[in-house]
Amino acid sequence: MEIINVFGNTYCIDTGMTYIPFYKLNEKEIVLLDSGYGNSEREGINMLIDDNGYRVYGIINSHAHIDHVGNNMFFKEKDKAIIAMTRLEAALCSSEESVKAYFGGHTLKSVRGHFETMISETDILIDSEDELLEMGGVVFKIIPTPGHSPAHISIITPDNVVYVGDTLISYEVMRGAKMPYAFILSVDFLSKKKLSTLNCEHFIVAHKGIYSNIENLVDDNIAFYKHRAQRVYDVINKPMTLEEILRAVICEFDINVKSIHKQRVINRMMCSFVDYLIEIEQLTAEIENGFIKYRQTEKETSV
């Protein structure tokens, strides 16, 4: 792991898998923008922060996914860090029961096994109308960018550097991603387009890049997700249940599924594409012998 100076007092930690930005309040205190994975990244992140003599004053979370909030409680207990998150995302990771409700299909035992570090206590709740957030005597700008998650936000540091979280993915990730995820694809596309209107010095993408201009990246992200939607559409060559679609998608995308947890993750990703295809009227849902089946609609529409 290493620390990269992005611009001014805005830095990011390169964990190898992700970029975790932070803003230096002074020589000793920093504000993290997300906190990374709890299990696989915690030791390296903490060591890097300690080796540089920093204390985590606070954490502003872009959204409540385990790779973004996994060290919230660790730094809250270690450094008394203040946690800020949107009201809805804070609710989603407030308890085992809320995590189970959000992800669905998981038992409480499964939640404890896979999502324990996601559970977080939030000190500052960010409402949908909030445009500014003061932390440690400096002001961060809040840009609502829902879609990847229900109330995802992008965060602009005092250096006019924006952290876009998971609203965009890098070209490197696009080259390797078989099934990208967005909670609501149509809303996610609008948030991607919103980012291209921002006049910022740099754009930090969690997975994983730093850009001074993102116009092409935004267009290529949307095209990438739409291409994946088209591939999901193409495997539905007859009325199929979600399980049948999942089986066909796993085969078409050559996805290696060897655990129940991995199957649930891939199913959740796939369902967002099915929902999008229904929303744009490329798929139709119908009941057949008590089962929901999905078929291609007869009229021509564009993904």
Protein backbone atom coordinates (compact mmCIF):
# COMPACT_ATOMS: atom_id res chain seq x y z
CA MET A 1 0.00 0.00 0.00
CA GLU A 2 1.08 3.57 -0.60
CA ILE A 3 -0.16 7.14 -0.22
CA ILE A 4 -0.65 9.25 -3.35
CA ASN A 5 -0.87 13.06 -3.24
CA VAL A 6 -3.75 13.93 -5.58
CA PHE A 7 -3.86 17.72 -5.20
CA GLY A 8 -3.23 20.11 -2.29
CA ASN A 9 -4.24 18.43 0.97
CA THR A 10 -6.20 15.70 -0.81
CA TYR A 11 -4.52 12.30 -0.87
CA CYS A 12 -5.54 8.72 -1.40
CA ILE A 13 -4.42 5.35 -0.11
CA ASP A 14 -3.74 2.85 -2.87
CA THR A 15 -4.67 -0.50 -1.32
CA GLY A 16 -3.95 -2.39 -4.52
CA MET A 17 -7.66 -3.02 -5.10
CA THR A 18 -9.10 0.42 -4.35
CA TYR A 19 -8.32 4.09 -3.78
CA ILE A 20 -9.37 5.44 -0.39
CA PRO A 21 -9.13 9.25 -0.40
CA PHE A 22 -8.38 11.37 2.63
CA TYR A 23 -8.05 15.07 3.40
CA LYS A 24 -5.32 16.37 5.71
CA LEU A 25 -6.82 18.72 8.30
CA ASN A 26 -3.36 19.34 9.73
CA GLU A 27 -0.09 17.44 10.17
CA LYS A 28 -1.73 14.92 12.49
CA GLU A 29 -5.43 14.61 11.65
CA ILE A 30 -7.14 13.32 8.51
CA VAL A 31 -10.67 12.79 7.24
CA LEU A 32 -11.12 9.54 5.35
CA LEU A 33 -13.57 9.34 2.47
CA ASP A 34 -14.65 5.72 3.04
CA SER A 35 -12.65 3.28 5.15
CA GLY A 36 -12.06 0.19 3.00
CA TYR A 37 -12.53 -3.53 3.57
CA GLY A 38 -12.53 -4.60 7.19
CA ASN A 39 -10.79 -7.94 6.90
CA SER A 40 -8.43 -7.94 3.93
CA GLU A 41 -7.38 -4.26 3.99
CA ARG A 42 -7.52 -3.21 7.66
CA GLU A 43 -4.00 -4.11 8.72
CA GLY A 44 -2.36 -2.38 5.75
CA ILE A 45 -4.51 0.75 5.96
CA ASN A 46 -3.98 1.11 9.70
CA MET A 47 -0.24 0.52 9.44
CA LEU A 48 0.11 3.13 6.69
CA ILE A 49 -1.86 5.69 8.70
CA ASP A 50 0.13 4.99 11.87
CA ASP A 51 3.48 5.04 10.07
CA ASN A 52 2.70 8.55 8.80
CA GLY A 53 1.70 9.74 12.27
CA TYR A 54 -1.95 10.37 11.37
CA ARG A 55 -5.10 10.07 13.44
CA VAL A 56 -8.45 9.54 11.73
CA TYR A 57 -10.52 12.52 12.85
CA GLY A 58 -13.55 11.43 10.85
CA ILE A 59 -14.93 9.35 8.00
CA ILE A 60 -17.38 10.51 5.32
CA ASN A 61 -18.86 7.47 3.58
CA SER A 62 -19.96 7.51 -0.03
CA HIS A 63 -22.26 4.55 0.57
CA ALA A 64 -22.85 1.55 2.80
CA HIS A 65 -21.12 -1.33 1.01
CA ILE A 66 -18.71 -3.52 2.92
CA ASP A 67 -15.64 -2.42 0.93
CA HIS A 68 -16.39 1.22 1.81
CA VAL A 69 -17.48 1.06 5.47
CA GLY A 70 -15.57 -2.01 6.64
CA ASN A 71 -13.21 -0.10 8.96
CA ASN A 72 -15.67 2.48 10.28
CA MET A 73 -16.03 0.93 13.72
CA PHE A 74 -12.32 0.09 13.94
CA PHE A 75 -11.32 3.76 13.57
CA LYS A 76 -14.24 4.88 15.71
CA GLU A 77 -12.92 2.74 18.55
CA LYS A 78 -9.22 3.38 17.89
CA ASP A 79 -9.25 7.11 17.12
CA LYS A 80 -12.76 8.16 18.23
CA ALA A 81 -13.43 8.96 14.56
CA ILE A 82 -16.67 10.76 13.72
CA ILE A 83 -18.74 8.87 11.11
CA ALA A 84 -20.87 10.73 8.55
CA MET A 85 -23.21 8.99 6.10
CA THR A 86 -26.45 9.67 4.28
CA ARG A 87 -29.50 8.92 6.41
CA LEU A 88 -30.68 6.00 4.28
CA GLU A 89 -27.25 4.37 3.90
CA ALA A 90 -26.68 4.74 7.65
CA ALA A 91 -29.94 2.91 8.30
CA LEU A 92 -28.97 0.11 5.91
CA CYS A 93 -25.81 -0.74 7.88
CA SER A 94 -27.10 0.05 11.37
CA SER A 95 -27.79 -3.55 12.45
CA GLU A 96 -27.63 -7.19 11.39
CA GLU A 97 -31.34 -7.10 10.66
CA SER A 98 -31.08 -4.06 8.39
CA VAL A 99 -28.19 -5.62 6.47
CA LYS A 100 -30.28 -8.78 6.01
CA ALA A 101 -33.23 -6.69 4.78
CA TYR A 102 -31.00 -4.84 2.30
CA PHE A 103 -29.27 -7.82 0.76
CA GLY A 104 -32.08 -10.40 0.99
CA GLY A 105 -31.58 -14.13 0.71
CA HIS A 106 -29.13 -14.18 3.62
CA THR A 107 -29.71 -15.71 7.02
CA LEU A 108 -28.56 -13.81 10.09
CA LYS A 109 -25.75 -16.36 10.36
CA SER A 110 -24.71 -15.53 6.80
CA VAL A 111 -24.84 -11.80 7.56
CA ARG A 112 -22.57 -12.32 10.56
CA GLY A 113 -20.18 -14.39 8.47
CA HIS A 114 -19.91 -12.10 5.44
CA PHE A 115 -21.09 -8.62 6.44
CA GLU A 116 -20.17 -8.18 10.11
CA THR A 117 -17.70 -5.35 9.47
CA MET A 118 -20.36 -3.49 7.47
CA ILE A 119 -22.38 -2.72 10.61
CA SER A 120 -21.61 0.85 11.64
CA GLU A 121 -22.72 3.55 14.07
CA THR A 122 -23.20 6.91 12.35
CA ASP A 123 -22.69 10.23 14.17
CA ILE A 124 -23.67 12.70 11.42
CA LEU A 125 -26.66 11.95 9.21
CA ILE A 126 -26.57 13.61 5.79
CA ASP A 127 -30.02 14.47 4.44
CA SER A 128 -30.91 14.56 0.76
CA GLU A 129 -31.08 18.37 0.75
CA ASP A 130 -27.70 18.85 2.44
CA GLU A 131 -25.12 20.38 0.11
CA LEU A 132 -22.30 21.01 2.60
CA LEU A 133 -20.78 19.06 5.46
CA GLU A 134 -18.43 20.58 8.03
CA MET A 135 -15.92 18.24 9.60
CA GLY A 136 -12.81 19.18 11.53
CA GLY A 137 -13.23 22.87 10.73
CA VAL A 138 -13.32 22.41 6.93
CA VAL A 139 -16.26 22.14 4.55
CA PHE A 140 -16.88 19.32 2.10
CA LYS A 141 -19.45 19.56 -0.70
CA ILE A 142 -21.98 16.75 -1.04
CA ILE A 143 -23.25 15.67 -4.46
CA PRO A 144 -26.11 13.12 -4.49
CA THR A 145 -25.22 10.35 -6.96
CA PRO A 146 -27.69 7.53 -6.23
CA GLY A 147 -27.97 4.44 -8.38
CA HIS A 148 -25.03 2.24 -7.44
CA SER A 149 -26.65 2.20 -4.00
CA PRO A 150 -29.90 3.84 -2.82
CA ALA A 151 -28.35 7.06 -1.47
CA HIS A 152 -24.78 7.07 -2.77
CA ILE A 153 -23.01 10.45 -2.65
CA SER A 154 -19.91 11.94 -4.22
CA ILE A 155 -17.76 14.19 -2.03
CA ILE A 156 -15.78 17.28 -3.04
CA THR A 157 -12.85 18.19 -0.81
CA PRO A 158 -11.78 21.80 -0.08
CA ASP A 159 -9.19 21.33 -2.87
CA ASN A 160 -12.03 20.95 -5.40
CA VAL A 161 -11.18 17.27 -5.86
CA VAL A 162 -14.23 15.02 -6.11
CA TYR A 163 -14.39 11.46 -4.87
CA VAL A 164 -17.03 9.71 -6.99
CA GLY A 165 -16.99 6.44 -5.04
CA ASP A 166 -18.57 3.69 -7.12
CA THR A 167 -20.59 5.93 -9.43
CA LEU A 168 -17.89 5.26 -12.02
CA ILE A 169 -15.45 2.41 -12.55
CA SER A 170 -12.06 2.73 -14.20
CA TYR A 171 -11.01 1.38 -17.58
CA GLU A 172 -8.88 -1.19 -15.77
CA VAL A 173 -11.94 -2.50 -13.91
CA MET A 174 -14.07 -2.48 -17.06
CA ARG A 175 -11.50 -4.70 -18.75
CA GLY A 176 -11.80 -7.29 -16.01
CA ALA A 177 -15.40 -6.98 -14.75
CA LYS A 178 -17.75 -9.71 -15.89
CA MET A 179 -20.85 -8.50 -14.05
CA PRO A 180 -20.71 -4.90 -12.71
CA TYR A 181 -23.26 -3.80 -10.14
CA ALA A 182 -25.73 -0.96 -9.78
CA PHE A 183 -28.76 -1.01 -7.50
CA ILE A 184 -30.92 0.85 -10.04
CA LEU A 185 -29.24 1.14 -13.43
CA SER A 186 -31.41 3.91 -14.87
CA VAL A 187 -30.79 6.11 -11.82
CA ASP A 188 -27.10 5.24 -11.89
CA PHE A 189 -26.84 6.43 -15.52
CA LEU A 190 -28.27 9.83 -14.53
CA SER A 191 -25.72 10.14 -11.72
CA LYS A 192 -22.87 9.27 -14.06
CA LYS A 193 -24.01 12.02 -16.42
CA LYS A 194 -24.28 14.47 -13.52
CA LEU A 195 -20.62 13.94 -12.70
CA SER A 196 -19.60 15.06 -16.18
CA THR A 197 -21.07 18.52 -15.41
CA LEU A 198 -18.75 19.08 -12.44
CA ASN A 199 -15.82 21.46 -12.86
CA CYS A 200 -13.29 19.84 -10.53
CA GLU A 201 -9.50 19.62 -10.51
CA HIS A 202 -9.46 15.83 -10.28
CA PHE A 203 -11.89 12.92 -10.05
CA ILE A 204 -11.04 9.95 -7.80
CA VAL A 205 -12.70 6.65 -8.70
CA ALA A 206 -12.75 4.06 -5.91
CA HIS A 207 -12.19 1.15 -8.30
CA LYS A 208 -9.68 2.56 -9.34
CA GLY A 209 -8.30 5.69 -10.95
CA ILE A 210 -7.57 9.42 -10.79
CA TYR A 211 -8.71 11.55 -13.74
CA SER A 212 -8.60 15.24 -14.64
CA ASN A 213 -11.37 14.79 -17.22
CA ILE A 214 -14.11 12.16 -17.13
CA GLU A 215 -16.31 12.95 -20.13
CA ASN A 216 -15.13 9.91 -22.07
CA LEU A 217 -15.09 7.75 -18.94
CA VAL A 218 -18.74 8.59 -18.23
CA ASP A 219 -19.82 7.71 -21.78
CA ASP A 220 -17.76 4.52 -21.76
CA ASN A 221 -19.15 3.48 -18.36
CA ILE A 222 -22.73 3.84 -19.57
CA ALA A 223 -21.93 1.97 -22.79
CA PHE A 224 -20.24 -0.79 -20.78
CA TYR A 225 -23.25 -1.31 -18.50
CA LYS A 226 -25.65 -1.21 -21.43
CA HIS A 227 -23.57 -3.79 -23.27
CA ARG A 228 -23.80 -6.07 -20.23
CA ALA A 229 -27.56 -5.50 -20.15
CA GLN A 230 -27.75 -6.51 -23.82
CA ARG A 231 -25.86 -9.73 -23.08
CA VAL A 232 -28.29 -10.58 -20.28
CA TYR A 233 -31.17 -9.85 -22.65
CA ASP A 234 -29.69 -12.13 -25.31
CA VAL A 235 -29.62 -15.22 -23.05
CA ILE A 236 -33.35 -14.92 -22.37
CA ASN A 237 -34.34 -16.68 -25.58
CA LYS A 238 -37.56 -18.14 -24.16
CA PRO A 239 -39.74 -17.51 -21.07
CA MET A 240 -37.38 -18.14 -18.15
CA THR A 241 -37.42 -17.93 -14.36
CA LEU A 242 -34.76 -15.90 -12.58
CA GLU A 243 -32.97 -19.12 -11.67
CA GLU A 244 -32.93 -20.18 -15.32
CA ILE A 245 -31.66 -16.75 -16.35
CA LEU A 246 -28.95 -16.93 -13.68
CA ARG A 247 -27.82 -20.34 -14.92
CA ALA A 248 -27.60 -19.01 -18.49
CA VAL A 249 -25.78 -15.82 -17.38
CA ILE A 250 -23.21 -17.78 -15.35
CA CYS A 251 -22.51 -19.87 -18.45
CA GLU A 252 -22.49 -16.93 -20.90
CA PHE A 253 -20.25 -14.75 -18.71
CA ASP A 254 -18.04 -17.70 -17.68
CA ILE A 255 -18.44 -16.90 -13.98
CA ASN A 256 -16.94 -19.34 -11.49
CA VAL A 257 -19.48 -19.95 -8.70
CA LYS A 258 -18.36 -22.35 -5.98
CA SER A 259 -20.12 -21.00 -2.90
CA ILE A 260 -23.62 -20.05 -1.85
CA HIS A 261 -22.37 -16.54 -1.00
CA LYS A 262 -20.90 -16.06 -4.50
CA GLN A 263 -24.14 -17.28 -6.08
CA ARG A 264 -26.15 -14.77 -4.04
CA VAL A 265 -23.80 -11.96 -5.05
CA ILE A 266 -24.03 -12.79 -8.77
CA ASN A 267 -27.80 -13.22 -8.55
CA ARG A 268 -28.13 -9.75 -6.96
CA MET A 269 -26.02 -8.22 -9.73
CA MET A 270 -27.96 -9.99 -12.46
CA CYS A 271 -31.35 -8.98 -11.04
CA SER A 272 -30.46 -5.30 -11.40
CA PHE A 273 -30.00 -5.85 -15.15
CA VAL A 274 -33.28 -7.77 -15.37
CA ASP A 275 -35.04 -4.90 -13.56
CA TYR A 276 -33.51 -2.41 -16.01
CA LEU A 277 -34.60 -4.45 -19.03
CA ILE A 278 -38.15 -4.54 -17.67
CA GLU A 279 -38.01 -0.79 -17.01
CA ILE A 280 -37.04 -0.04 -20.63
CA GLU A 281 -39.65 -2.56 -21.81
CA GLN A 282 -37.26 -5.05 -23.37
CA LEU A 283 -38.45 -7.76 -20.99
CA THR A 284 -41.94 -8.66 -19.81
CA ALA A 285 -42.76 -10.56 -16.62
CA GLU A 286 -45.65 -13.04 -16.55
CA ILE A 287 -47.03 -15.80 -14.35
CA GLU A 288 -46.85 -19.39 -15.59
CA ASN A 289 -48.00 -22.24 -13.31
CA GLY A 290 -47.35 -20.10 -10.25
CA PHE A 291 -43.83 -19.04 -11.31
CA ILE A 292 -42.68 -15.65 -12.60
CA LYS A 293 -41.12 -15.97 -16.03
CA TYR A 294 -39.41 -13.31 -18.09
CA ARG A 295 -39.50 -13.09 -21.85
CA GLN A 296 -38.30 -10.69 -24.50
CA THR A 297 -40.95 -8.19 -25.52
CA GLU A 298 -42.10 -8.21 -29.10
CA LYS A 299 -41.53 -4.55 -29.85
CA GLU A 300 -38.10 -3.23 -30.78
CA THR A 301 -36.45 -0.98 -28.19
CA SER A 302 -32.88 0.02 -27.58
CA VAL A 303 -30.94 -0.97 -24.47
